[in-house]
Amino acid sequence: MGLNLPGGNGIRVDTAIYEGYEIPPIYDSMIAKIIAHGISRGEAIAKMKRALEELVIEGIDTNRDFLLKIITNHNFIRGNYDTSFIETEILRKD
């Protein structure tokens, strides 16, 4: 499995996986959690975007691209969202 976990100021990754780790067929679907912290919402979003762009986990499907689509959405960035956000902004057909 190819693996590159992001890091740096304001980024924390909680995981037990490592390069060469073989994920068993029956596993918890959350194999890693990435946390971004900044002095503002905008800074935290920018750090998370960079972290997701740096993230590489080969050999399994991940939700990386889905998360990038969320945090780069103009309404999410502006804080203009509600419980229908995923359905109306992310999953909608253009």
C-alpha atoms as a PDB file:
ATOM      1  CA  MET A   1       0.000   0.000   0.000  1.00  0.00           C
ATOM      2  CA  GLY A   2       1.359   3.430  -0.950  1.00  0.00           C
ATOM      3  CA  LEU A   3       0.934   5.879   1.905  1.00  0.00           C
ATOM      4  CA  ASN A   4       1.692   9.558   2.405  1.00  0.00           C
ATOM      5  CA  LEU A   5       0.176  11.179   5.469  1.00  0.00           C
ATOM      6  CA  PRO A   6       0.128  14.984   5.611  1.00  0.00           C
ATOM      7  CA  GLY A   7       1.692  16.944   8.422  1.00  0.00           C
ATOM      8  CA  GLY A   8       2.873  20.372   9.429  1.00  0.00           C
ATOM      9  CA  ASN A   9       1.728  23.224  11.608  1.00  0.00           C
ATOM     10  CA  GLY A  10      -1.970  22.917  12.398  1.00  0.00           C
ATOM     11  CA  ILE A  11      -2.374  19.391  10.997  1.00  0.00           C
ATOM     12  CA  ARG A  12      -2.869  16.269  13.102  1.00  0.00           C
ATOM     13  CA  VAL A  13      -3.428  12.768  11.755  1.00  0.00           C
ATOM     14  CA  ASP A  14      -4.831  10.076  14.027  1.00  0.00           C
ATOM     15  CA  THR A  15      -4.269   6.626  12.557  1.00  0.00           C
ATOM     16  CA  ALA A  16      -2.700   3.240  13.181  1.00  0.00           C
ATOM     17  CA  ILE A  17      -1.824   2.560   9.525  1.00  0.00           C
ATOM     18  CA  TYR A  18       1.720   2.804   8.185  1.00  0.00           C
ATOM     19  CA  GLU A  19       3.587   2.169   4.922  1.00  0.00           C
ATOM     20  CA  GLY A  20       3.287  -1.532   4.159  1.00  0.00           C
ATOM     21  CA  TYR A  21       0.346  -2.037   6.527  1.00  0.00           C
ATOM     22  CA  GLU A  22      -2.209  -4.443   5.121  1.00  0.00           C
ATOM     23  CA  ILE A  23      -5.754  -3.457   5.960  1.00  0.00           C
ATOM     24  CA  PRO A  24      -7.731  -6.586   6.822  1.00  0.00           C
ATOM     25  CA  PRO A  25     -10.849  -7.400   4.791  1.00  0.00           C
ATOM     26  CA  ILE A  26     -13.015  -6.653   7.812  1.00  0.00           C
ATOM     27  CA  TYR A  27     -11.930  -3.234   9.062  1.00  0.00           C
ATOM     28  CA  ASP A  28     -13.300  -0.071  10.573  1.00  0.00           C
ATOM     29  CA  SER A  29     -14.018   2.187   7.617  1.00  0.00           C
ATOM     30  CA  MET A  30     -12.314   5.107   9.369  1.00  0.00           C
ATOM     31  CA  ILE A  31      -8.659   4.179   9.006  1.00  0.00           C
ATOM     32  CA  ALA A  32      -7.439   7.736   9.572  1.00  0.00           C
ATOM     33  CA  LYS A  33      -8.712  11.047  10.869  1.00  0.00           C
ATOM     34  CA  ILE A  34      -7.206  14.361   9.761  1.00  0.00           C
ATOM     35  CA  ILE A  35      -7.690  17.423  11.955  1.00  0.00           C
ATOM     36  CA  ALA A  36      -6.807  20.950  10.798  1.00  0.00           C
ATOM     37  CA  HIS A  37      -6.444  23.922  13.119  1.00  0.00           C
ATOM     38  CA  GLY A  38      -5.931  27.577  12.260  1.00  0.00           C
ATOM     39  CA  ILE A  39      -6.388  31.024  13.767  1.00  0.00           C
ATOM     40  CA  SER A  40      -9.423  31.489  11.531  1.00  0.00           C
ATOM     41  CA  ARG A  41     -11.909  29.331   9.686  1.00  0.00           C
ATOM     42  CA  GLY A  42     -10.292  30.300   6.386  1.00  0.00           C
ATOM     43  CA  GLU A  43      -6.837  29.270   7.594  1.00  0.00           C
ATOM     44  CA  ALA A  44      -8.130  25.936   8.891  1.00  0.00           C
ATOM     45  CA  ILE A  45      -9.905  25.244   5.584  1.00  0.00           C
ATOM     46  CA  ALA A  46      -6.742  26.118   3.622  1.00  0.00           C
ATOM     47  CA  LYS A  47      -4.672  23.776   5.798  1.00  0.00           C
ATOM     48  CA  MET A  48      -7.204  20.971   5.399  1.00  0.00           C
ATOM     49  CA  LYS A  49      -7.236  21.465   1.624  1.00  0.00           C
ATOM     50  CA  ARG A  50      -3.442  21.184   1.518  1.00  0.00           C
ATOM     51  CA  ALA A  51      -3.518  18.137   3.812  1.00  0.00           C
ATOM     52  CA  LEU A  52      -6.080  16.350   1.646  1.00  0.00           C
ATOM     53  CA  GLU A  53      -4.103  17.180  -1.503  1.00  0.00           C
ATOM     54  CA  GLU A  54      -0.975  15.652   0.094  1.00  0.00           C
ATOM     55  CA  LEU A  55      -2.802  12.553   1.345  1.00  0.00           C
ATOM     56  CA  VAL A  56      -2.080   9.334  -0.529  1.00  0.00           C
ATOM     57  CA  ILE A  57      -3.612   6.025   0.509  1.00  0.00           C
ATOM     58  CA  GLU A  58      -3.288   3.427  -2.234  1.00  0.00           C
ATOM     59  CA  GLY A  59      -4.963   0.052  -2.404  1.00  0.00           C
ATOM     60  CA  ILE A  60      -8.387   1.021  -1.043  1.00  0.00           C
ATOM     61  CA  ASP A  61     -11.117   3.488  -1.918  1.00  0.00           C
ATOM     62  CA  THR A  62     -11.202   6.642   0.226  1.00  0.00           C
ATOM     63  CA  ASN A  63     -13.463   9.669   0.528  1.00  0.00           C
ATOM     64  CA  ARG A  64     -10.582  12.111  -0.107  1.00  0.00           C
ATOM     65  CA  ASP A  65     -12.068  13.551  -3.319  1.00  0.00           C
ATOM     66  CA  PHE A  66     -15.498  13.890  -1.698  1.00  0.00           C
ATOM     67  CA  LEU A  67     -13.975  15.831   1.205  1.00  0.00           C
ATOM     68  CA  LEU A  68     -12.033  18.081  -1.189  1.00  0.00           C
ATOM     69  CA  LYS A  69     -15.256  18.829  -3.039  1.00  0.00           C
ATOM     70  CA  ILE A  70     -16.867  19.882   0.251  1.00  0.00           C
ATOM     71  CA  ILE A  71     -14.102  22.162   1.505  1.00  0.00           C
ATOM     72  CA  THR A  72     -13.622  23.869  -1.855  1.00  0.00           C
ATOM     73  CA  ASN A  73     -17.336  24.604  -2.264  1.00  0.00           C
ATOM     74  CA  HIS A  74     -17.942  28.382  -2.157  1.00  0.00           C
ATOM     75  CA  ASN A  75     -20.971  28.039   0.133  1.00  0.00           C
ATOM     76  CA  PHE A  76     -19.023  25.885   2.599  1.00  0.00           C
ATOM     77  CA  ILE A  77     -16.135  28.363   2.610  1.00  0.00           C
ATOM     78  CA  ARG A  78     -18.557  31.238   3.326  1.00  0.00           C
ATOM     79  CA  GLY A  79     -20.240  29.244   6.104  1.00  0.00           C
ATOM     80  CA  ASN A  80     -23.478  29.193   4.130  1.00  0.00           C
ATOM     81  CA  TYR A  81     -24.724  25.638   4.658  1.00  0.00           C
ATOM     82  CA  ASP A  82     -27.322  23.610   6.498  1.00  0.00           C
ATOM     83  CA  THR A  83     -28.355  19.974   6.841  1.00  0.00           C
ATOM     84  CA  SER A  84     -29.239  19.802   3.144  1.00  0.00           C
ATOM     85  CA  PHE A  85     -25.745  20.914   2.064  1.00  0.00           C
ATOM     86  CA  ILE A  86     -24.448  17.531   0.878  1.00  0.00           C
ATOM     87  CA  GLU A  87     -27.592  16.805  -1.121  1.00  0.00           C
ATOM     88  CA  THR A  88     -27.984  20.255  -2.665  1.00  0.00           C
ATOM     89  CA  GLU A  89     -24.358  21.317  -3.148  1.00  0.00           C
ATOM     90  CA  ILE A  90     -22.269  18.177  -3.431  1.00  0.00           C
ATOM     91  CA  LEU A  91     -24.484  15.427  -4.817  1.00  0.00           C
ATOM     92  CA  ARG A  92     -26.599  17.567  -7.132  1.00  0.00           C
ATOM     93  CA  LYS A  93     -26.420  16.972 -10.860  1.00  0.00           C
ATOM     94  CA  ASP A  94     -25.116  19.994 -12.788  1.00  0.00           C
END
